[in-house]
C-alpha atoms as a PDB file:
ATOM      1  CA  UNK A   1      20.488  68.170  85.969  1.00  0.00           C
ATOM      2  CA  UNK A   2      20.200  71.851  86.127  1.00  0.00           C
ATOM      3  CA  UNK A   3      16.516  71.621  86.908  1.00  0.00           C
ATOM      4  CA  UNK A   4      17.197  70.305  90.491  1.00  0.00           C
ATOM      5  CA  UNK A   5      18.987  73.694  91.137  1.00  0.00           C
ATOM      6  CA  UNK A   6      16.613  76.019  89.190  1.00  0.00           C
ATOM      7  CA  UNK A   7      13.696  74.510  91.001  1.00  0.00           C
ATOM      8  CA  UNK A   8      15.331  75.600  94.432  1.00  0.00           C
ATOM      9  CA  UNK A   9      14.217  79.345  94.114  1.00  0.00           C
ATOM     10  CA  UNK A  10      10.707  78.529  93.017  1.00  0.00           C
ATOM     11  CA  UNK A  11      10.281  76.090  96.004  1.00  0.00           C
ATOM     12  CA  UNK A  12      11.609  78.907  98.339  1.00  0.00           C
ATOM     13  CA  UNK A  13       9.372  81.576  96.874  1.00  0.00           C
ATOM     14  CA  UNK A  14       6.287  79.031  96.886  1.00  0.00           C
ATOM     15  CA  UNK A  15       6.620  78.393 100.475  1.00  0.00           C
ATOM     16  CA  UNK A  16       7.498  81.939 101.460  1.00  0.00           C
ATOM     17  CA  UNK A  17       5.067  83.943  99.545  1.00  0.00           C
ATOM     18  CA  UNK A  18       2.457  81.236  98.677  1.00  0.00           C
ATOM     19  CA  UNK A  19       1.542  79.988  95.275  1.00  0.00           C
ATOM     20  CA  UNK A  20      -1.913  78.511  94.439  1.00  0.00           C
ATOM     21  CA  UNK A  21      -2.949  76.113  97.078  1.00  0.00           C
ATOM     22  CA  UNK A  22       0.283  76.490  99.047  1.00  0.00           C
ATOM     23  CA  UNK A  23      -0.211  79.028 101.994  1.00  0.00           C
ATOM     24  CA  UNK A  24       2.197  81.681 102.813  1.00  0.00           C
ATOM     25  CA  UNK A  25       4.445  80.702 105.453  1.00  0.00           C
ATOM     26  CA  UNK A  26       6.903  83.913 105.394  1.00  0.00           C
ATOM     27  CA  UNK A  27      10.562  83.480 106.424  1.00  0.00           C
ATOM     28  CA  UNK A  28       9.955  79.999 107.910  1.00  0.00           C
ATOM     29  CA  UNK A  29       8.708  78.956 104.461  1.00  0.00           C
ATOM     30  CA  UNK A  30      11.835  80.476 102.865  1.00  0.00           C
ATOM     31  CA  UNK A  31      14.102  78.496 105.167  1.00  0.00           C
ATOM     32  CA  UNK A  32      12.040  75.302 104.805  1.00  0.00           C
ATOM     33  CA  UNK A  33      12.194  75.717 101.114  1.00  0.00           C
ATOM     34  CA  UNK A  34      15.959  75.971 101.236  1.00  0.00           C
ATOM     35  CA  UNK A  35      16.210  72.614 102.966  1.00  0.00           C
ATOM     36  CA  UNK A  36      13.764  71.010 100.736  1.00  0.00           C
ATOM     37  CA  UNK A  37      15.432  72.301  97.598  1.00  0.00           C
ATOM     38  CA  UNK A  38      18.917  71.015  98.391  1.00  0.00           C
ATOM     39  CA  UNK A  39      17.677  67.789  99.696  1.00  0.00           C
ATOM     40  CA  UNK A  40      15.876  67.118  96.367  1.00  0.00           C
ATOM     41  CA  UNK A  41      19.027  68.190  94.519  1.00  0.00           C
ATOM     42  CA  UNK A  42      21.189  65.862  96.632  1.00  0.00           C
ATOM     43  CA  UNK A  43      18.743  62.923  96.080  1.00  0.00           C
ATOM     44  CA  UNK A  44      18.600  63.523  92.333  1.00  0.00           C
ATOM     45  CA  UNK A  45      22.418  63.876  91.917  1.00  0.00           C
ATOM     46  CA  UNK A  46      22.894  60.682  93.988  1.00  0.00           C
ATOM     47  CA  UNK A  47      20.492  58.807  91.702  1.00  0.00           C
ATOM     48  CA  UNK A  48      22.034  60.261  88.512  1.00  0.00           C
ATOM     49  CA  UNK A  49      25.627  59.077  89.562  1.00  0.00           C
ATOM     50  CA  UNK A  50      24.331  55.581  90.471  1.00  0.00           C
ATOM     51  CA  UNK A  51      22.228  55.205  87.275  1.00  0.00           C
ATOM     52  CA  UNK A  52      25.234  55.023  84.948  1.00  0.00           C
ATOM     53  CA  UNK A  53      24.048  58.056  82.876  1.00  0.00           C
ATOM     54  CA  UNK A  54      26.969  60.080  83.951  1.00  0.00           C
ATOM     55  CA  UNK A  55      30.459  59.587  82.764  1.00  0.00           C
ATOM     56  CA  UNK A  56      31.448  58.500  86.312  1.00  0.00           C
ATOM     57  CA  UNK A  57      29.422  55.873  88.084  1.00  0.00           C
ATOM     58  CA  UNK A  58      29.329  56.079  91.702  1.00  0.00           C
ATOM     59  CA  UNK A  59      30.208  52.629  93.273  1.00  0.00           C
ATOM     60  CA  UNK A  60      30.759  52.414  97.050  1.00  0.00           C
ATOM     61  CA  UNK A  61      32.413  48.957  96.906  1.00  0.00           C
ATOM     62  CA  UNK A  62      35.062  49.841  94.244  1.00  0.00           C
ATOM     63  CA  UNK A  63      36.794  52.513  96.210  1.00  0.00           C
ATOM     64  CA  UNK A  64      38.691  51.940  99.396  1.00  0.00           C
ATOM     65  CA  UNK A  65      39.073  54.999 101.806  1.00  0.00           C
ATOM     66  CA  UNK A  66      42.603  56.267 102.148  1.00  0.00           C
ATOM     67  CA  UNK A  67      43.901  58.650 104.761  1.00  0.00           C
ATOM     68  CA  UNK A  68      46.267  60.351 102.136  1.00  0.00           C
ATOM     69  CA  UNK A  69      43.054  61.424 100.120  1.00  0.00           C
ATOM     70  CA  UNK A  70      41.296  62.982 103.199  1.00  0.00           C
ATOM     71  CA  UNK A  71      44.384  64.903 103.925  1.00  0.00           C
ATOM     72  CA  UNK A  72      44.704  66.168 100.200  1.00  0.00           C
ATOM     73  CA  UNK A  73      40.952  67.191 100.298  1.00  0.00           C
ATOM     74  CA  UNK A  74      41.135  69.039 103.675  1.00  0.00           C
ATOM     75  CA  UNK A  75      44.380  70.778 102.727  1.00  0.00           C
ATOM     76  CA  UNK A  76      42.485  72.687 100.311  1.00  0.00           C
ATOM     77  CA  UNK A  77      38.853  72.490 101.600  1.00  0.00           C
ATOM     78  CA  UNK A  78      39.468  73.191 105.131  1.00  0.00           C
ATOM     79  CA  UNK A  79      41.363  76.424 104.410  1.00  0.00           C
ATOM     80  CA  UNK A  80      39.029  77.477 101.758  1.00  0.00           C
ATOM     81  CA  UNK A  81      36.003  77.069 103.954  1.00  0.00           C
ATOM     82  CA  UNK A  82      37.260  80.155 105.975  1.00  0.00           C
ATOM     83  CA  UNK A  83      36.429  82.440 102.972  1.00  0.00           C
ATOM     84  CA  UNK A  84      32.630  82.124 103.108  1.00  0.00           C
ATOM     85  CA  UNK A  85      32.823  82.566 106.902  1.00  0.00           C
ATOM     86  CA  UNK A  86      34.575  85.777 106.346  1.00  0.00           C
ATOM     87  CA  UNK A  87      32.079  87.028 103.857  1.00  0.00           C
ATOM     88  CA  UNK A  88      29.193  86.228 106.173  1.00  0.00           C
ATOM     89  CA  UNK A  89      31.029  87.898 109.132  1.00  0.00           C
ATOM     90  CA  UNK A  90      31.433  90.981 106.993  1.00  0.00           C
ATOM     91  CA  UNK A  91      27.869  91.204 105.985  1.00  0.00           C
ATOM     92  CA  UNK A  92      26.858  90.957 109.634  1.00  0.00           C
ATOM     93  CA  UNK A  93      29.268  93.565 110.648  1.00  0.00           C
ATOM     94  CA  UNK A  94      28.165  95.931 107.963  1.00  0.00           C
ATOM     95  CA  UNK A  95      24.491  95.344 108.451  1.00  0.00           C
ATOM     96  CA  UNK A  96      25.062  96.261 112.209  1.00  0.00           C
ATOM     97  CA  UNK A  97      26.911  99.424 111.298  1.00  0.00           C
ATOM     98  CA  UNK A  98      24.360 100.528 108.784  1.00  0.00           C
ATOM     99  CA  UNK A  99      21.512  99.881 111.310  1.00  0.00           C
ATOM    100  CA  UNK A 100      22.849 102.681 113.610  1.00  0.00           C
ATOM    101  CA  UNK A 101      21.853 105.227 110.849  1.00  0.00           C
ATOM    102  CA  UNK A 102      18.156 104.376 111.117  1.00  0.00           C
ATOM    103  CA  UNK A 103      15.509 102.205 109.491  1.00  0.00           C
ATOM    104  CA  UNK A 104      15.725 104.028 106.100  1.00  0.00           C
ATOM    105  CA  UNK A 105      19.338 103.655 105.807  1.00  0.00           C
ATOM    106  CA  UNK A 106      19.085  99.891 106.713  1.00  0.00           C
ATOM    107  CA  UNK A 107      16.385  99.541 104.026  1.00  0.00           C
ATOM    108  CA  UNK A 108      18.291 101.431 101.340  1.00  0.00           C
ATOM    109  CA  UNK A 109      21.369  99.374 102.058  1.00  0.00           C
ATOM    110  CA  UNK A 110      19.438  96.185 101.791  1.00  0.00           C
ATOM    111  CA  UNK A 111      18.159  97.030  98.313  1.00  0.00           C
ATOM    112  CA  UNK A 112      21.720  97.931  97.148  1.00  0.00           C
ATOM    113  CA  UNK A 113      23.390  94.938  98.841  1.00  0.00           C
ATOM    114  CA  UNK A 114      20.735  92.581  97.299  1.00  0.00           C
ATOM    115  CA  UNK A 115      22.353  93.375  93.795  1.00  0.00           C
ATOM    116  CA  UNK A 116      25.745  92.388  95.063  1.00  0.00           C
ATOM    117  CA  UNK A 117      24.471  89.022  96.356  1.00  0.00           C
ATOM    118  CA  UNK A 118      22.900  88.272  92.983  1.00  0.00           C
ATOM    119  CA  UNK A 119      26.238  88.939  91.245  1.00  0.00           C
ATOM    120  CA  UNK A 120      27.968  86.244  93.248  1.00  0.00           C
ATOM    121  CA  UNK A 121      26.353  83.261  91.369  1.00  0.00           C
ATOM    122  CA  UNK A 122      27.757  84.746  88.303  1.00  0.00           C
ATOM    123  CA  UNK A 123      31.128  84.800  89.454  1.00  0.00           C
ATOM    124  CA  UNK A 124      30.539  81.396  91.028  1.00  0.00           C
ATOM    125  CA  UNK A 125      29.764  79.829  87.743  1.00  0.00           C
ATOM    126  CA  UNK A 126      32.907  81.163  86.051  1.00  0.00           C
ATOM    127  CA  UNK A 127      34.998  80.358  88.989  1.00  0.00           C
ATOM    128  CA  UNK A 128      33.813  76.741  89.380  1.00  0.00           C
ATOM    129  CA  UNK A 129      34.381  76.175  85.907  1.00  0.00           C
ATOM    130  CA  UNK A 130      37.800  77.255  86.064  1.00  0.00           C
ATOM    131  CA  UNK A 131      38.553  74.856  89.051  1.00  0.00           C
ATOM    132  CA  UNK A 132      38.788  71.588  87.038  1.00  0.00           C
ATOM    133  CA  UNK A 133      40.720  73.219  84.170  1.00  0.00           C
ATOM    134  CA  UNK A 134      43.396  74.615  86.471  1.00  0.00           C
ATOM    135  CA  UNK A 135      43.484  71.159  88.190  1.00  0.00           C
ATOM    136  CA  UNK A 136      43.871  69.192  84.974  1.00  0.00           C
ATOM    137  CA  UNK A 137      46.686  71.666  83.889  1.00  0.00           C
ATOM    138  CA  UNK A 138      48.280  71.197  87.387  1.00  0.00           C
ATOM    139  CA  UNK A 139      48.220  67.504  87.054  1.00  0.00           C
ATOM    140  CA  UNK A 140      49.795  67.493  83.662  1.00  0.00           C
ATOM    141  CA  UNK A 141      52.556  69.748  85.017  1.00  0.00           C
ATOM    142  CA  UNK A 142      51.562  72.632  82.822  1.00  0.00           C
ATOM    143  CA  UNK A 143      51.944  75.520  85.281  1.00  0.00           C
ATOM    144  CA  UNK A 144      51.591  78.165  82.526  1.00  0.00           C
ATOM    145  CA  UNK A 145      48.430  76.993  81.215  1.00  0.00           C
ATOM    146  CA  UNK A 146      46.930  76.701  84.796  1.00  0.00           C
ATOM    147  CA  UNK A 147      47.670  80.324  85.340  1.00  0.00           C
ATOM    148  CA  UNK A 148      46.634  81.341  82.019  1.00  0.00           C
ATOM    149  CA  UNK A 149      43.123  79.730  82.778  1.00  0.00           C
ATOM    150  CA  UNK A 150      42.916  81.336  86.227  1.00  0.00           C
ATOM    151  CA  UNK A 151      43.645  84.830  84.834  1.00  0.00           C
ATOM    152  CA  UNK A 152      41.384  84.401  81.763  1.00  0.00           C
ATOM    153  CA  UNK A 153      38.373  83.260  84.105  1.00  0.00           C
ATOM    154  CA  UNK A 154      39.101  86.282  86.491  1.00  0.00           C
ATOM    155  CA  UNK A 155      39.048  88.602  83.433  1.00  0.00           C
ATOM    156  CA  UNK A 156      35.737  87.232  82.254  1.00  0.00           C
ATOM    157  CA  UNK A 157      34.201  87.377  85.623  1.00  0.00           C
ATOM    158  CA  UNK A 158      35.515  90.992  86.284  1.00  0.00           C
ATOM    159  CA  UNK A 159      34.160  92.131  82.956  1.00  0.00           C
ATOM    160  CA  UNK A 160      30.631  90.631  83.494  1.00  0.00           C
ATOM    161  CA  UNK A 161      29.969  91.974  86.948  1.00  0.00           C
ATOM    162  CA  UNK A 162      31.934  95.018  86.369  1.00  0.00           C
ATOM    163  CA  UNK A 163      29.607  96.105  83.498  1.00  0.00           C
ATOM    164  CA  UNK A 164      26.713  95.732  85.749  1.00  0.00           C
ATOM    165  CA  UNK A 165      28.369  97.705  88.439  1.00  0.00           C
ATOM    166  CA  UNK A 166      29.063 100.494  85.885  1.00  0.00           C
ATOM    167  CA  UNK A 167      25.398 100.580  84.843  1.00  0.00           C
ATOM    168  CA  UNK A 168      24.069 100.978  88.438  1.00  0.00           C
ATOM    169  CA  UNK A 169      26.740 103.474  89.143  1.00  0.00           C
ATOM    170  CA  UNK A 170      25.493 105.730  86.391  1.00  0.00           C
ATOM    171  CA  UNK A 171      21.904 105.056  86.780  1.00  0.00           C
ATOM    172  CA  UNK A 172      21.291 103.391  90.083  1.00  0.00           C
ATOM    173  CA  UNK A 173      17.445 104.141  89.868  1.00  0.00           C
ATOM    174  CA  UNK A 174      17.233 101.169  87.329  1.00  0.00           C
ATOM    175  CA  UNK A 175      17.717  98.849  90.277  1.00  0.00           C
ATOM    176  CA  UNK A 176      16.442 100.645  93.281  1.00  0.00           C
ATOM    177  CA  UNK A 177      13.241 101.702  91.626  1.00  0.00           C
ATOM    178  CA  UNK A 178      12.255  98.066  91.313  1.00  0.00           C
ATOM    179  CA  UNK A 179      11.724  97.610  95.054  1.00  0.00           C
ATOM    180  CA  UNK A 180      10.494 100.993  96.584  1.00  0.00           C
ATOM    181  CA  UNK A 181       9.061 104.262  95.484  1.00  0.00           C
ATOM    182  CA  UNK A 182      10.027 106.015  98.801  1.00  0.00           C
ATOM    183  CA  UNK A 183      12.223 108.867  97.999  1.00  0.00           C
ATOM    184  CA  UNK A 184      14.292 108.742 101.127  1.00  0.00           C
ATOM    185  CA  UNK A 185      14.955 104.960 100.864  1.00  0.00           C
ATOM    186  CA  UNK A 186      15.777 105.084  97.146  1.00  0.00           C
ATOM    187  CA  UNK A 187      18.146 107.936  97.826  1.00  0.00           C
ATOM    188  CA  UNK A 188      20.049 105.962 100.275  1.00  0.00           C
ATOM    189  CA  UNK A 189      20.128 102.931  97.970  1.00  0.00           C
ATOM    190  CA  UNK A 190      21.330 104.996  95.067  1.00  0.00           C
ATOM    191  CA  UNK A 191      24.085 106.337  97.364  1.00  0.00           C
ATOM    192  CA  UNK A 192      25.014 102.963  98.171  1.00  0.00           C
ATOM    193  CA  UNK A 193      25.099 101.746  94.479  1.00  0.00           C
ATOM    194  CA  UNK A 194      27.027 104.778  93.371  1.00  0.00           C
ATOM    195  CA  UNK A 195      29.953 104.151  95.932  1.00  0.00           C
ATOM    196  CA  UNK A 196      29.828 100.238  95.916  1.00  0.00           C
ATOM    197  CA  UNK A 197      29.147  99.714  92.010  1.00  0.00           C
ATOM    198  CA  UNK A 198      32.850 100.450  90.915  1.00  0.00           C
ATOM    199  CA  UNK A 199      33.912  97.673  93.432  1.00  0.00           C
ATOM    200  CA  UNK A 200      31.978  95.119  91.787  1.00  0.00           C
ATOM    201  CA  UNK A 201      34.571  94.516  89.058  1.00  0.00           C
ATOM    202  CA  UNK A 202      37.071  93.776  91.841  1.00  0.00           C
ATOM    203  CA  UNK A 203      34.637  91.527  93.556  1.00  0.00           C
ATOM    204  CA  UNK A 204      34.427  89.445  90.411  1.00  0.00           C
ATOM    205  CA  UNK A 205      38.202  89.600  90.005  1.00  0.00           C
ATOM    206  CA  UNK A 206      38.938  88.370  93.517  1.00  0.00           C
ATOM    207  CA  UNK A 207      36.312  85.647  93.865  1.00  0.00           C
ATOM    208  CA  UNK A 208      37.128  84.025  90.540  1.00  0.00           C
ATOM    209  CA  UNK A 209      40.839  83.876  91.374  1.00  0.00           C
ATOM    210  CA  UNK A 210      39.920  82.441  94.822  1.00  0.00           C
ATOM    211  CA  UNK A 211      38.029  79.529  93.065  1.00  0.00           C
ATOM    212  CA  UNK A 212      41.037  78.951  90.671  1.00  0.00           C
ATOM    213  CA  UNK A 213      43.439  78.780  93.611  1.00  0.00           C
ATOM    214  CA  UNK A 214      41.380  75.780  94.798  1.00  0.00           C
ATOM    215  CA  UNK A 215      42.324  73.997  91.656  1.00  0.00           C
ATOM    216  CA  UNK A 216      46.114  74.770  92.122  1.00  0.00           C
ATOM    217  CA  UNK A 217      45.967  73.740  95.694  1.00  0.00           C
ATOM    218  CA  UNK A 218      47.440  76.972  96.774  1.00  0.00           C
ATOM    219  CA  UNK A 219      44.492  78.626  98.500  1.00  0.00           C
ATOM    220  CA  UNK A 220      46.100  79.808 101.746  1.00  0.00           C
ATOM    221  CA  UNK A 221      47.345  83.199 100.552  1.00  0.00           C
ATOM    222  CA  UNK A 222      43.941  84.153  98.632  1.00  0.00           C
ATOM    223  CA  UNK A 223      42.186  83.407 101.825  1.00  0.00           C
ATOM    224  CA  UNK A 224      44.419  85.615 103.937  1.00  0.00           C
ATOM    225  CA  UNK A 225      44.226  88.227 101.181  1.00  0.00           C
ATOM    226  CA  UNK A 226      40.406  88.030 101.515  1.00  0.00           C
ATOM    227  CA  UNK A 227      40.692  88.880 105.180  1.00  0.00           C
ATOM    228  CA  UNK A 228      41.631  92.447 104.095  1.00  0.00           C
ATOM    229  CA  UNK A 229      37.972  93.287 103.285  1.00  0.00           C
ATOM    230  CA  UNK A 230      36.830  91.977 106.670  1.00  0.00           C
ATOM    231  CA  UNK A 231      39.277  94.070 108.659  1.00  0.00           C
ATOM    232  CA  UNK A 232      38.685  97.295 106.494  1.00  0.00           C
ATOM    233  CA  UNK A 233      34.911  96.942 107.230  1.00  0.00           C
ATOM    234  CA  UNK A 234      35.392  96.139 110.922  1.00  0.00           C
ATOM    235  CA  UNK A 235      38.099  98.883 111.855  1.00  0.00           C
ATOM    236  CA  UNK A 236      37.051 101.400 109.337  1.00  0.00           C
ATOM    237  CA  UNK A 237      33.435 101.106 110.145  1.00  0.00           C
ATOM    238  CA  UNK A 238      33.994 101.245 113.865  1.00  0.00           C
ATOM    239  CA  UNK A 239      36.191 104.511 113.334  1.00  0.00           C
ATOM    240  CA  UNK A 240      33.385 106.108 111.259  1.00  0.00           C
ATOM    241  CA  UNK A 241      30.760 105.186 113.736  1.00  0.00           C
ATOM    242  CA  UNK A 242      32.552 106.697 116.672  1.00  0.00           C
ATOM    243  CA  UNK A 243      33.414 109.821 114.529  1.00  0.00           C
ATOM    244  CA  UNK A 244      29.750 110.482 113.765  1.00  0.00           C
ATOM    245  CA  UNK A 245      30.498 110.242 109.983  1.00  0.00           C
ATOM    246  CA  UNK A 246      27.445 110.287 107.524  1.00  0.00           C
ATOM    247  CA  UNK A 247      26.121 107.301 105.989  1.00  0.00           C
ATOM    248  CA  UNK A 248      27.729 107.830 102.624  1.00  0.00           C
ATOM    249  CA  UNK A 249      31.226 107.534 104.146  1.00  0.00           C
ATOM    250  CA  UNK A 250      30.328 103.957 105.260  1.00  0.00           C
ATOM    251  CA  UNK A 251      29.130 103.155 101.714  1.00  0.00           C
ATOM    252  CA  UNK A 252      32.429 104.628 100.378  1.00  0.00           C
ATOM    253  CA  UNK A 253      34.266 102.214 102.742  1.00  0.00           C
ATOM    254  CA  UNK A 254      32.339  99.303 101.383  1.00  0.00           C
ATOM    255  CA  UNK A 255      33.442 100.251  97.787  1.00  0.00           C
ATOM    256  CA  UNK A 256      37.093 100.718  99.052  1.00  0.00           C
ATOM    257  CA  UNK A 257      36.976  97.296 100.747  1.00  0.00           C
ATOM    258  CA  UNK A 258      35.667  95.656  97.472  1.00  0.00           C
ATOM    259  CA  UNK A 259      38.688  97.181  95.718  1.00  0.00           C
ATOM    260  CA  UNK A 260      41.081  95.950  98.364  1.00  0.00           C
ATOM    261  CA  UNK A 261      39.644  92.458  98.329  1.00  0.00           C
ATOM    262  CA  UNK A 262      40.165  92.075  94.520  1.00  0.00           C
ATOM    263  CA  UNK A 263      43.534  93.634  94.456  1.00  0.00           C
ATOM    264  CA  UNK A 264      44.941  91.741  97.418  1.00  0.00           C
ATOM    265  CA  UNK A 265      43.755  88.327  96.085  1.00  0.00           C
ATOM    266  CA  UNK A 266      45.309  89.241  92.561  1.00  0.00           C
ATOM    267  CA  UNK A 267      48.623  90.246  94.184  1.00  0.00           C
ATOM    268  CA  UNK A 268      48.518  86.990  96.337  1.00  0.00           C
ATOM    269  CA  UNK A 269      47.883  84.804  93.449  1.00  0.00           C
ATOM    270  CA  UNK A 270      50.584  86.510  91.276  1.00  0.00           C
ATOM    271  CA  UNK A 271      53.190  86.248  93.842  1.00  0.00           C
ATOM    272  CA  UNK A 272      52.320  82.589  94.978  1.00  0.00           C
ATOM    273  CA  UNK A 273      54.332  80.022  93.074  1.00  0.00           C
ATOM    274  CA  UNK A 274      52.274  77.073  91.802  1.00  0.00           C
ATOM    275  CA  UNK A 275      54.701  74.222  91.793  1.00  0.00           C
ATOM    276  CA  UNK A 276      53.527  70.827  91.171  1.00  0.00           C
ATOM    277  CA  UNK A 277      54.553  68.451  93.844  1.00  0.00           C
ATOM    278  CA  UNK A 278      56.661  65.524  92.611  1.00  0.00           C
ATOM    279  CA  UNK A 279      55.312  62.108  93.719  1.00  0.00           C
ATOM    280  CA  UNK A 280      57.902  59.476  93.922  1.00  0.00           C
ATOM    281  CA  UNK A 281      56.867  56.417  91.783  1.00  0.00           C
ATOM    282  CA  UNK A 282      58.000  52.926  92.466  1.00  0.00           C
ATOM    283  CA  UNK A 283      60.433  51.805  89.765  1.00  0.00           C
ATOM    284  CA  UNK A 284      59.793  48.167  89.072  1.00  0.00           C
ATOM    285  CA  UNK A 285      62.763  46.026  87.864  1.00  0.00           C
ATOM    286  CA  UNK A 286      62.845  45.316  84.225  1.00  0.00           C
ATOM    287  CA  UNK A 287      62.172  41.621  83.408  1.00  0.00           C
ATOM    288  CA  UNK A 288      63.071  40.655  79.960  1.00  0.00           C
ATOM    289  CA  UNK A 289      61.170  37.701  78.331  1.00  0.00           C
ATOM    290  CA  UNK A 290      63.201  34.463  77.960  1.00  0.00           C
ATOM    291  CA  UNK A 291      64.766  34.142  74.685  1.00  0.00           C
ATOM    292  CA  UNK A 292      64.569  30.820  72.943  1.00  0.00           C
ATOM    293  CA  UNK A 293      67.659  29.381  71.292  1.00  0.00           C
ATOM    294  CA  UNK A 294      66.859  28.390  67.821  1.00  0.00           C
ATOM    295  CA  UNK A 295      70.354  27.083  67.015  1.00  0.00           C
ATOM    296  CA  UNK A 296      70.568  23.349  66.367  1.00  0.00           C
ATOM    297  CA  UNK A 297      73.013  21.364  68.282  1.00  0.00           C
ATOM    298  CA  UNK A 298      74.427  18.272  66.825  1.00  0.00           C
END
C-alpha cells in the first residue's frame, strides 16, 4: 500500500525533470505529477478497501449518513484545517520578507527552508500514528493513557528532528553544500540553518502534539497556539524590515518563532482538559423469561 505514496515523488520528478522517453515539462510537470500521483493513490486505496483485503471493507449500502457524524467530524476537521493554512501563510510572508534582501538571500533561504519541509513528513508519520492511539484511549475513557501517548509521540518527534537540527546547526555545510558551490549563497544558507536549526526540535514537539490533539477532539487550543508563529513572523518581520535590519536578524526571528510555536502548543495541550463526553444510553426495561411451574396439582 505504501507503494502508491512512494511512487508520487518519482512521478513528479519524472514529469518535471524528464526521465527516459518522458520529456522535461518543468514546473508544469511537477504540478501535473502531483495530481497524477494523488489520483492514482486514491484509486488504489478505493480498490483496496473494496476488495476485502483490508480489515474494514467499504460498503456504501451498509452505512446510512447521519447528521451527528458530520458534526463530530467537522468539529475537529474544520478547526484543524486552519493549521495548514497558517503554515502556508507564514511561508508566503517569510518568503516575501527574505526577497527584500536580494536574490542571493532568497536562494540561501530556499536551501535552508527545504530541509525544514523535508522534516515535516517525519513528524507527520509519528503524529498520525498517535491519532488513533489517542482516540482509542479516549473512547475507552482512559484519559491518562491518551495523554501519555500524546507526550510520548511528541518526545519521539522532537528527538528525531531535533537531532537533525543540531547537526545542521553545528555543520550547516553538510546540507547547503549539496545544492550550491556559490560562496555567497552558501553563507546565507548556513546562516539560516545556524539560527533555525535549534528550532527544529520545537517544530517536532508542536506538530506532534497538534496531531495528537485531533485524536482527543480538543484541537482548538493548539490551533490558536499555532497562530503565535504566524504573528511573530508577520509583526516581527515587518518591524525588522522597516528598521533596515540585516538578514541574519530575520533568520533569528524564524528560530524564535519555531520555539514559540512548539512551546505554546505544549502549554495549550498541558492546560486543556481532555474530558470524555458522556453519551446517554437508552436503558431498556428488563424482561425476565417466563418461569414454568413444575409443581403438580391434584
